[in-house]
Amino acid sequence: MLAKKNRISGRDRGNQVVEQIARDLFSGAYKPGDMLPRETDLAESLSVSRASVRSGLQTLVALGIIRRQAGHGTVVEETHKWNMLDPLVSRWMIEYAEPNPKFYRDIYDYRRAIEPYVSSLAASRATAQDLAAIEHAYNGMARGLADDSPEQFSQADIAFHTAIYRATHNLIWAQSVNILRPAIMLVIEKSNNTAEELSESLENHRRLMECIRLRQPEAAFEAALKVMQRTATDLGFTPSQTDEESIALIRAGTLRASTDA
């Protein structure tokens, strides 16, 4: 029994190492290309064993955040190698950093390209149960606005989009939103700031919900695009000409697919 307790404590100490180094990394204390302190120095500063330090560092290696070089030490990787979509990494982004504007932009670009198409699929495929889930989430957003609770609004907001992804009845889309959930929540919380923004956002979401309920794939595409345009405004993003051309291509393909169906 004692040995089992020690193993659990050792794992907890490894988690302590991960959390502390993650805090330093995401707060900017260490930057890409920087060398981390030696294992012995980390063990001493954190009051843990070298085994706990190695365990913690290995977690960060697996997430692509650091690279261990035999005989040279541990270096912080470039951020494009970090597994930003891992829920643990997304949590660190939320808790320990004022997130990188490029990360906001990358998640926004993903959603703007994907969600109009996903919404058009949902308009064609949603079941009564799916529609009930979308409406339930929408009602949660309305309560958040009425109660002056941006946090409640944001939680219901992501539930709304999750329900739409699931309404496609496509396994990949349904699973992707689970992976992206922390990152999407980060963007939603950043953009849902004022009562005016929440009120307009609620109306945009209501329109999207109605398009899906009425089985209007083309209108659902446009309504989802409007939701994302509001998000862009709140985040201070201006779509480029290339962005607009890309959306036009996606729109054309979506409309053609709905006509063929």
C-alpha atoms as a PDB file:
ATOM      1  CA  MET A   1       0.000   0.000   0.000  1.00  0.00           C
ATOM      2  CA  LEU A   2       2.841   2.386   0.871  1.00  0.00           C
ATOM      3  CA  ALA A   3       4.604   1.726  -2.448  1.00  0.00           C
ATOM      4  CA  LYS A   4       1.413   2.494  -4.348  1.00  0.00           C
ATOM      5  CA  LYS A   5       1.029   5.765  -2.441  1.00  0.00           C
ATOM      6  CA  ASN A   6       4.603   6.746  -3.310  1.00  0.00           C
ATOM      7  CA  ARG A   7       4.023   6.059  -7.001  1.00  0.00           C
ATOM      8  CA  ILE A   8       0.985   8.332  -6.998  1.00  0.00           C
ATOM      9  CA  SER A   9       2.935  11.039  -5.192  1.00  0.00           C
ATOM     10  CA  GLY A  10       5.736  10.744  -7.739  1.00  0.00           C
ATOM     11  CA  ARG A  11       3.279  11.205 -10.592  1.00  0.00           C
ATOM     12  CA  ASP A  12       1.841  14.240  -8.836  1.00  0.00           C
ATOM     13  CA  ARG A  13       5.311  15.714  -8.533  1.00  0.00           C
ATOM     14  CA  GLY A  14       5.834  15.107 -12.241  1.00  0.00           C
ATOM     15  CA  ASN A  15       2.603  16.990 -12.903  1.00  0.00           C
ATOM     16  CA  GLN A  16       3.874  19.803 -10.682  1.00  0.00           C
ATOM     17  CA  VAL A  17       6.972  20.067 -12.858  1.00  0.00           C
ATOM     18  CA  VAL A  18       4.895  20.146 -16.048  1.00  0.00           C
ATOM     19  CA  GLU A  19       2.598  22.846 -14.703  1.00  0.00           C
ATOM     20  CA  GLN A  20       5.401  25.078 -13.486  1.00  0.00           C
ATOM     21  CA  ILE A  21       7.424  24.852 -16.686  1.00  0.00           C
ATOM     22  CA  ALA A  22       4.271  25.357 -18.750  1.00  0.00           C
ATOM     23  CA  ARG A  23       3.487  28.471 -16.702  1.00  0.00           C
ATOM     24  CA  ASP A  24       6.964  29.832 -17.433  1.00  0.00           C
ATOM     25  CA  LEU A  25       6.764  28.963 -21.122  1.00  0.00           C
ATOM     26  CA  PHE A  26       3.333  30.399 -21.799  1.00  0.00           C
ATOM     27  CA  SER A  27       3.965  33.529 -19.739  1.00  0.00           C
ATOM     28  CA  GLY A  28       7.030  34.241 -21.855  1.00  0.00           C
ATOM     29  CA  ALA A  29       9.754  33.522 -19.285  1.00  0.00           C
ATOM     30  CA  TYR A  30      11.221  31.116 -21.833  1.00  0.00           C
ATOM     31  CA  LYS A  31      10.969  31.708 -25.557  1.00  0.00           C
ATOM     32  CA  PRO A  32      11.482  29.435 -28.589  1.00  0.00           C
ATOM     33  CA  GLY A  33      15.171  28.659 -28.927  1.00  0.00           C
ATOM     34  CA  ASP A  34      15.887  29.204 -25.215  1.00  0.00           C
ATOM     35  CA  MET A  35      17.549  26.477 -23.176  1.00  0.00           C
ATOM     36  CA  LEU A  36      15.778  25.281 -20.049  1.00  0.00           C
ATOM     37  CA  PRO A  37      17.750  24.969 -16.808  1.00  0.00           C
ATOM     38  CA  ARG A  38      19.534  21.680 -16.193  1.00  0.00           C
ATOM     39  CA  GLU A  39      17.604  18.827 -14.593  1.00  0.00           C
ATOM     40  CA  THR A  40      19.515  19.244 -11.346  1.00  0.00           C
ATOM     41  CA  ASP A  41      18.709  22.962 -11.207  1.00  0.00           C
ATOM     42  CA  LEU A  42      15.014  22.356 -11.971  1.00  0.00           C
ATOM     43  CA  ALA A  43      14.855  19.640  -9.321  1.00  0.00           C
ATOM     44  CA  GLU A  44      16.380  21.949  -6.731  1.00  0.00           C
ATOM     45  CA  SER A  45      14.217  24.980  -7.581  1.00  0.00           C
ATOM     46  CA  LEU A  46      11.017  22.921  -7.587  1.00  0.00           C
ATOM     47  CA  SER A  47      11.996  20.761  -4.590  1.00  0.00           C
ATOM     48  CA  VAL A  48      11.389  17.521  -6.478  1.00  0.00           C
ATOM     49  CA  SER A  49      13.519  14.588  -7.589  1.00  0.00           C
ATOM     50  CA  ARG A  50      15.329  14.410 -10.921  1.00  0.00           C
ATOM     51  CA  ALA A  51      13.039  11.509 -11.810  1.00  0.00           C
ATOM     52  CA  SER A  52      10.036  13.817 -11.406  1.00  0.00           C
ATOM     53  CA  VAL A  53      11.747  16.435 -13.566  1.00  0.00           C
ATOM     54  CA  ARG A  54      12.460  13.876 -16.295  1.00  0.00           C
ATOM     55  CA  SER A  55       8.847  12.675 -16.193  1.00  0.00           C
ATOM     56  CA  GLY A  56       7.551  16.235 -16.501  1.00  0.00           C
ATOM     57  CA  LEU A  57       9.925  17.113 -19.322  1.00  0.00           C
ATOM     58  CA  GLN A  58       8.916  13.987 -21.224  1.00  0.00           C
ATOM     59  CA  THR A  59       5.296  15.167 -21.223  1.00  0.00           C
ATOM     60  CA  LEU A  60       6.396  18.449 -22.776  1.00  0.00           C
ATOM     61  CA  VAL A  61       8.481  16.577 -25.359  1.00  0.00           C
ATOM     62  CA  ALA A  62       5.435  14.512 -26.343  1.00  0.00           C
ATOM     63  CA  LEU A  63       3.465  17.737 -26.851  1.00  0.00           C
ATOM     64  CA  GLY A  64       6.143  19.146 -29.156  1.00  0.00           C
ATOM     65  CA  ILE A  65       6.931  22.037 -26.810  1.00  0.00           C
ATOM     66  CA  ILE A  66      10.534  21.168 -25.984  1.00  0.00           C
ATOM     67  CA  ARG A  67      13.300  19.054 -27.523  1.00  0.00           C
ATOM     68  CA  ARG A  68      15.873  17.172 -25.488  1.00  0.00           C
ATOM     69  CA  GLN A  69      19.354  17.062 -26.981  1.00  0.00           C
ATOM     70  CA  ALA A  70      21.728  14.445 -25.674  1.00  0.00           C
ATOM     71  CA  GLY A  71      24.724  16.170 -24.136  1.00  0.00           C
ATOM     72  CA  HIS A  72      23.362  19.649 -24.849  1.00  0.00           C
ATOM     73  CA  GLY A  73      20.266  20.092 -22.692  1.00  0.00           C
ATOM     74  CA  THR A  74      16.643  20.972 -23.339  1.00  0.00           C
ATOM     75  CA  VAL A  75      15.577  23.612 -25.856  1.00  0.00           C
ATOM     76  CA  VAL A  76      12.181  25.243 -26.359  1.00  0.00           C
ATOM     77  CA  GLU A  77      10.743  24.405 -29.780  1.00  0.00           C
ATOM     78  CA  GLU A  78       9.292  26.920 -32.217  1.00  0.00           C
ATOM     79  CA  THR A  79       5.603  27.430 -31.477  1.00  0.00           C
ATOM     80  CA  HIS A  80       4.471  25.980 -34.812  1.00  0.00           C
ATOM     81  CA  LYS A  81       5.667  22.613 -33.519  1.00  0.00           C
ATOM     82  CA  TRP A  82       3.581  22.814 -30.340  1.00  0.00           C
ATOM     83  CA  ASN A  83       0.475  20.648 -30.285  1.00  0.00           C
ATOM     84  CA  MET A  84      -1.827  23.624 -29.728  1.00  0.00           C
ATOM     85  CA  LEU A  85      -4.977  21.543 -30.245  1.00  0.00           C
ATOM     86  CA  ASP A  86      -4.201  19.232 -27.350  1.00  0.00           C
ATOM     87  CA  PRO A  87      -6.650  20.077 -24.534  1.00  0.00           C
ATOM     88  CA  LEU A  88      -3.795  20.328 -22.030  1.00  0.00           C
ATOM     89  CA  VAL A  89      -1.922  22.852 -24.169  1.00  0.00           C
ATOM     90  CA  SER A  90      -5.105  24.833 -24.824  1.00  0.00           C
ATOM     91  CA  ARG A  91      -5.723  24.978 -21.075  1.00  0.00           C
ATOM     92  CA  TRP A  92      -2.247  26.357 -20.527  1.00  0.00           C
ATOM     93  CA  MET A  93      -2.939  28.987 -23.172  1.00  0.00           C
ATOM     94  CA  ILE A  94      -6.050  30.039 -21.274  1.00  0.00           C
ATOM     95  CA  GLU A  95      -4.622  29.904 -17.745  1.00  0.00           C
ATOM     96  CA  TYR A  96      -1.045  31.054 -18.109  1.00  0.00           C
ATOM     97  CA  ALA A  97      -0.785  33.395 -21.055  1.00  0.00           C
ATOM     98  CA  GLU A  98      -2.241  36.358 -22.818  1.00  0.00           C
ATOM     99  CA  PRO A  99      -2.605  34.179 -25.903  1.00  0.00           C
ATOM    100  CA  ASN A 100      -0.638  34.704 -29.046  1.00  0.00           C
ATOM    101  CA  PRO A 101      -2.673  36.812 -31.536  1.00  0.00           C
ATOM    102  CA  LYS A 102      -1.585  34.423 -34.282  1.00  0.00           C
ATOM    103  CA  PHE A 103      -3.211  31.560 -32.372  1.00  0.00           C
ATOM    104  CA  TYR A 104      -6.489  33.517 -32.271  1.00  0.00           C
ATOM    105  CA  ARG A 105      -6.177  34.195 -35.980  1.00  0.00           C
ATOM    106  CA  ASP A 106      -5.419  30.576 -36.871  1.00  0.00           C
ATOM    107  CA  ILE A 107      -8.439  29.271 -34.946  1.00  0.00           C
ATOM    108  CA  TYR A 108     -10.637  31.957 -36.471  1.00  0.00           C
ATOM    109  CA  ASP A 109      -9.412  31.097 -39.986  1.00  0.00           C
ATOM    110  CA  TYR A 110     -10.209  27.437 -39.365  1.00  0.00           C
ATOM    111  CA  ARG A 111     -13.715  28.175 -38.121  1.00  0.00           C
ATOM    112  CA  ARG A 112     -14.481  30.669 -40.883  1.00  0.00           C
ATOM    113  CA  ALA A 113     -13.500  28.156 -43.551  1.00  0.00           C
ATOM    114  CA  ILE A 114     -15.213  25.151 -41.969  1.00  0.00           C
ATOM    115  CA  GLU A 115     -18.304  26.198 -40.030  1.00  0.00           C
ATOM    116  CA  PRO A 116     -20.370  27.593 -42.918  1.00  0.00           C
ATOM    117  CA  TYR A 117     -19.960  24.265 -44.705  1.00  0.00           C
ATOM    118  CA  VAL A 118     -20.649  22.296 -41.514  1.00  0.00           C
ATOM    119  CA  SER A 119     -23.781  24.383 -40.945  1.00  0.00           C
ATOM    120  CA  SER A 120     -25.030  23.673 -44.464  1.00  0.00           C
ATOM    121  CA  LEU A 121     -24.567  19.951 -43.833  1.00  0.00           C
ATOM    122  CA  ALA A 122     -26.436  20.240 -40.543  1.00  0.00           C
ATOM    123  CA  ALA A 123     -29.335  21.917 -42.354  1.00  0.00           C
ATOM    124  CA  SER A 124     -29.593  18.849 -44.579  1.00  0.00           C
ATOM    125  CA  ARG A 125     -28.985  16.149 -41.988  1.00  0.00           C
ATOM    126  CA  ALA A 126     -30.112  17.333 -38.539  1.00  0.00           C
ATOM    127  CA  THR A 127     -32.563  15.086 -36.718  1.00  0.00           C
ATOM    128  CA  ALA A 128     -35.237  16.274 -34.312  1.00  0.00           C
ATOM    129  CA  GLN A 129     -32.855  15.428 -31.471  1.00  0.00           C
ATOM    130  CA  ASP A 130     -30.109  17.524 -33.066  1.00  0.00           C
ATOM    131  CA  LEU A 131     -32.455  20.479 -33.483  1.00  0.00           C
ATOM    132  CA  ALA A 132     -33.481  20.194 -29.835  1.00  0.00           C
ATOM    133  CA  ALA A 133     -29.804  20.266 -28.770  1.00  0.00           C
ATOM    134  CA  ILE A 134     -29.136  23.362 -30.890  1.00  0.00           C
ATOM    135  CA  GLU A 135     -32.211  25.115 -29.473  1.00  0.00           C
ATOM    136  CA  HIS A 136     -31.300  24.153 -25.910  1.00  0.00           C
ATOM    137  CA  ALA A 137     -27.860  25.718 -26.353  1.00  0.00           C
ATOM    138  CA  TYR A 138     -29.374  28.817 -27.931  1.00  0.00           C
ATOM    139  CA  ASN A 139     -31.724  29.207 -24.960  1.00  0.00           C
ATOM    140  CA  GLY A 140     -28.685  28.981 -22.687  1.00  0.00           C
ATOM    141  CA  MET A 141     -27.099  31.848 -24.606  1.00  0.00           C
ATOM    142  CA  ALA A 142     -30.308  33.879 -24.191  1.00  0.00           C
ATOM    143  CA  ARG A 143     -30.279  33.233 -20.441  1.00  0.00           C
ATOM    144  CA  GLY A 144     -26.635  34.285 -20.261  1.00  0.00           C
ATOM    145  CA  LEU A 145     -27.508  37.577 -21.940  1.00  0.00           C
ATOM    146  CA  ALA A 146     -30.536  38.136 -19.708  1.00  0.00           C
ATOM    147  CA  ASP A 147     -28.515  37.354 -16.581  1.00  0.00           C
ATOM    148  CA  ASP A 148     -25.611  39.568 -17.709  1.00  0.00           C
ATOM    149  CA  SER A 149     -23.316  36.544 -17.564  1.00  0.00           C
ATOM    150  CA  PRO A 150     -20.761  36.475 -20.409  1.00  0.00           C
ATOM    151  CA  GLU A 151     -19.328  33.251 -19.007  1.00  0.00           C
ATOM    152  CA  GLN A 152     -22.694  31.485 -19.179  1.00  0.00           C
ATOM    153  CA  PHE A 153     -23.236  32.937 -22.651  1.00  0.00           C
ATOM    154  CA  SER A 154     -19.856  31.646 -23.848  1.00  0.00           C
ATOM    155  CA  GLN A 155     -20.397  28.163 -22.442  1.00  0.00           C
ATOM    156  CA  ALA A 156     -23.752  27.944 -24.202  1.00  0.00           C
ATOM    157  CA  ASP A 157     -22.191  29.438 -27.350  1.00  0.00           C
ATOM    158  CA  ILE A 158     -19.713  26.604 -27.700  1.00  0.00           C
ATOM    159  CA  ALA A 159     -22.457  24.070 -26.900  1.00  0.00           C
ATOM    160  CA  PHE A 160     -24.438  25.599 -29.793  1.00  0.00           C
ATOM    161  CA  HIS A 161     -21.601  25.094 -32.273  1.00  0.00           C
ATOM    162  CA  THR A 162     -20.822  21.645 -30.880  1.00  0.00           C
ATOM    163  CA  ALA A 163     -24.433  20.619 -31.520  1.00  0.00           C
ATOM    164  CA  ILE A 164     -24.172  21.843 -35.123  1.00  0.00           C
ATOM    165  CA  TYR A 165     -20.982  19.867 -35.755  1.00  0.00           C
ATOM    166  CA  ARG A 166     -22.671  16.762 -34.350  1.00  0.00           C
ATOM    167  CA  ALA A 167     -25.758  17.372 -36.478  1.00  0.00           C
ATOM    168  CA  THR A 168     -23.697  16.642 -39.599  1.00  0.00           C
ATOM    169  CA  HIS A 169     -23.644  12.978 -38.537  1.00  0.00           C
ATOM    170  CA  ASN A 170     -20.100  12.857 -39.842  1.00  0.00           C
ATOM    171  CA  LEU A 171     -17.766  11.140 -37.402  1.00  0.00           C
ATOM    172  CA  ILE A 172     -14.771  13.323 -38.279  1.00  0.00           C
ATOM    173  CA  TRP A 173     -16.621  16.632 -37.902  1.00  0.00           C
ATOM    174  CA  ALA A 174     -18.222  15.469 -34.663  1.00  0.00           C
ATOM    175  CA  GLN A 175     -14.869  14.427 -33.204  1.00  0.00           C
ATOM    176  CA  SER A 176     -12.978  17.490 -34.444  1.00  0.00           C
ATOM    177  CA  VAL A 177     -15.074  19.844 -32.348  1.00  0.00           C
ATOM    178  CA  ASN A 178     -14.193  17.843 -29.229  1.00  0.00           C
ATOM    179  CA  ILE A 179     -10.484  18.238 -29.998  1.00  0.00           C
ATOM    180  CA  LEU A 180     -10.854  21.924 -30.826  1.00  0.00           C
ATOM    181  CA  ARG A 181     -13.216  22.765 -27.968  1.00  0.00           C
ATOM    182  CA  PRO A 182     -10.676  24.491 -25.659  1.00  0.00           C
ATOM    183  CA  ALA A 183      -9.200  26.488 -28.546  1.00  0.00           C
ATOM    184  CA  ILE A 184     -12.630  27.529 -29.820  1.00  0.00           C
ATOM    185  CA  MET A 185     -13.665  28.482 -26.291  1.00  0.00           C
ATOM    186  CA  LEU A 186     -10.586  30.699 -26.094  1.00  0.00           C
ATOM    187  CA  VAL A 187     -11.739  32.651 -29.168  1.00  0.00           C
ATOM    188  CA  ILE A 188     -15.369  32.771 -28.049  1.00  0.00           C
ATOM    189  CA  GLU A 189     -14.451  34.140 -24.616  1.00  0.00           C
ATOM    190  CA  LYS A 190     -12.188  36.739 -26.216  1.00  0.00           C
ATOM    191  CA  SER A 191     -14.921  37.950 -28.586  1.00  0.00           C
ATOM    192  CA  ASN A 192     -17.884  37.884 -26.164  1.00  0.00           C
ATOM    193  CA  ASN A 193     -17.139  41.016 -24.167  1.00  0.00           C
ATOM    194  CA  THR A 194     -19.993  43.517 -24.110  1.00  0.00           C
ATOM    195  CA  ALA A 195     -23.783  43.365 -23.895  1.00  0.00           C
ATOM    196  CA  GLU A 196     -24.047  44.928 -27.348  1.00  0.00           C
ATOM    197  CA  GLU A 197     -21.766  42.269 -28.826  1.00  0.00           C
ATOM    198  CA  LEU A 198     -23.661  39.500 -27.042  1.00  0.00           C
ATOM    199  CA  SER A 199     -27.017  40.828 -28.240  1.00  0.00           C
ATOM    200  CA  GLU A 200     -25.918  40.941 -31.871  1.00  0.00           C
ATOM    201  CA  SER A 201     -24.237  37.560 -31.532  1.00  0.00           C
ATOM    202  CA  LEU A 202     -27.440  36.065 -30.113  1.00  0.00           C
ATOM    203  CA  GLU A 203     -29.470  37.323 -33.066  1.00  0.00           C
ATOM    204  CA  ASN A 204     -26.902  35.940 -35.529  1.00  0.00           C
ATOM    205  CA  HIS A 205     -27.077  32.567 -33.809  1.00  0.00           C
ATOM    206  CA  ARG A 206     -30.884  32.634 -33.839  1.00  0.00           C
ATOM    207  CA  ARG A 207     -30.838  33.186 -37.586  1.00  0.00           C
ATOM    208  CA  LEU A 208     -28.432  30.284 -38.052  1.00  0.00           C
ATOM    209  CA  MET A 209     -30.588  28.034 -35.888  1.00  0.00           C
ATOM    210  CA  GLU A 210     -33.678  28.898 -37.929  1.00  0.00           C
ATOM    211  CA  CYS A 211     -31.932  28.185 -41.240  1.00  0.00           C
ATOM    212  CA  ILE A 212     -30.937  24.755 -39.998  1.00  0.00           C
ATOM    213  CA  ARG A 213     -34.407  24.069 -38.598  1.00  0.00           C
ATOM    214  CA  LEU A 214     -36.035  25.080 -41.907  1.00  0.00           C
ATOM    215  CA  ARG A 215     -33.673  22.840 -43.918  1.00  0.00           C
ATOM    216  CA  GLN A 216     -32.043  25.693 -45.836  1.00  0.00           C
ATOM    217  CA  PRO A 217     -28.400  24.702 -46.517  1.00  0.00           C
ATOM    218  CA  GLU A 218     -27.550  27.793 -48.575  1.00  0.00           C
ATOM    219  CA  ALA A 219     -29.045  30.179 -46.037  1.00  0.00           C
ATOM    220  CA  ALA A 220     -27.338  28.274 -43.204  1.00  0.00           C
ATOM    221  CA  PHE A 221     -23.978  28.746 -44.953  1.00  0.00           C
ATOM    222  CA  GLU A 222     -24.524  32.504 -45.147  1.00  0.00           C
ATOM    223  CA  ALA A 223     -25.840  32.723 -41.585  1.00  0.00           C
ATOM    224  CA  ALA A 224     -22.799  30.874 -40.230  1.00  0.00           C
ATOM    225  CA  LEU A 225     -20.548  33.160 -42.230  1.00  0.00           C
ATOM    226  CA  LYS A 226     -22.236  36.165 -40.628  1.00  0.00           C
ATOM    227  CA  VAL A 227     -21.610  34.684 -37.186  1.00  0.00           C
ATOM    228  CA  MET A 228     -17.927  34.460 -38.041  1.00  0.00           C
ATOM    229  CA  GLN A 229     -17.867  37.980 -39.479  1.00  0.00           C
ATOM    230  CA  ARG A 230     -19.104  39.280 -36.112  1.00  0.00           C
ATOM    231  CA  THR A 231     -16.355  37.303 -34.415  1.00  0.00           C
ATOM    232  CA  ALA A 232     -13.783  38.859 -36.759  1.00  0.00           C
ATOM    233  CA  THR A 233     -15.025  42.337 -35.853  1.00  0.00           C
ATOM    234  CA  ASP A 234     -14.818  41.584 -32.133  1.00  0.00           C
ATOM    235  CA  LEU A 235     -11.284  40.239 -32.520  1.00  0.00           C
ATOM    236  CA  GLY A 236     -10.170  43.123 -34.730  1.00  0.00           C
ATOM    237  CA  PHE A 237      -9.545  40.980 -37.807  1.00  0.00           C
ATOM    238  CA  THR A 238     -10.002  42.204 -41.372  1.00  0.00           C
ATOM    239  CA  PRO A 239     -10.355  39.431 -43.981  1.00  0.00           C
ATOM    240  CA  SER A 240      -7.912  39.711 -46.874  1.00  0.00           C
ATOM    241  CA  GLN A 241      -8.797  39.452 -50.553  1.00  0.00           C
ATOM    242  CA  THR A 242      -7.385  35.930 -50.540  1.00  0.00           C
ATOM    243  CA  ASP A 243      -9.659  35.047 -47.610  1.00  0.00           C
ATOM    244  CA  GLU A 244     -12.693  36.296 -49.493  1.00  0.00           C
ATOM    245  CA  GLU A 245     -11.734  34.361 -52.611  1.00  0.00           C
ATOM    246  CA  SER A 246     -11.300  31.181 -50.602  1.00  0.00           C
ATOM    247  CA  ILE A 247     -14.720  31.578 -49.005  1.00  0.00           C
ATOM    248  CA  ALA A 248     -16.238  32.169 -52.457  1.00  0.00           C
ATOM    249  CA  LEU A 249     -14.797  28.858 -53.639  1.00  0.00           C
ATOM    250  CA  ILE A 250     -16.127  27.044 -50.570  1.00  0.00           C
ATOM    251  CA  ARG A 251     -19.529  28.676 -51.066  1.00  0.00           C
ATOM    252  CA  ALA A 252     -19.668  27.642 -54.711  1.00  0.00           C
ATOM    253  CA  GLY A 253     -18.789  24.055 -53.841  1.00  0.00           C
ATOM    254  CA  THR A 254     -21.365  23.962 -51.065  1.00  0.00           C
ATOM    255  CA  LEU A 255     -24.145  25.322 -53.253  1.00  0.00           C
ATOM    256  CA  ARG A 256     -23.276  22.891 -56.027  1.00  0.00           C
ATOM    257  CA  ALA A 257     -23.331  19.974 -53.578  1.00  0.00           C
ATOM    258  CA  SER A 258     -26.711  21.008 -52.188  1.00  0.00           C
ATOM    259  CA  THR A 259     -28.124  21.304 -55.720  1.00  0.00           C
ATOM    260  CA  ASP A 260     -26.802  17.845 -56.664  1.00  0.00           C
ATOM    261  CA  ALA A 261     -28.338  16.409 -53.515  1.00  0.00           C
END
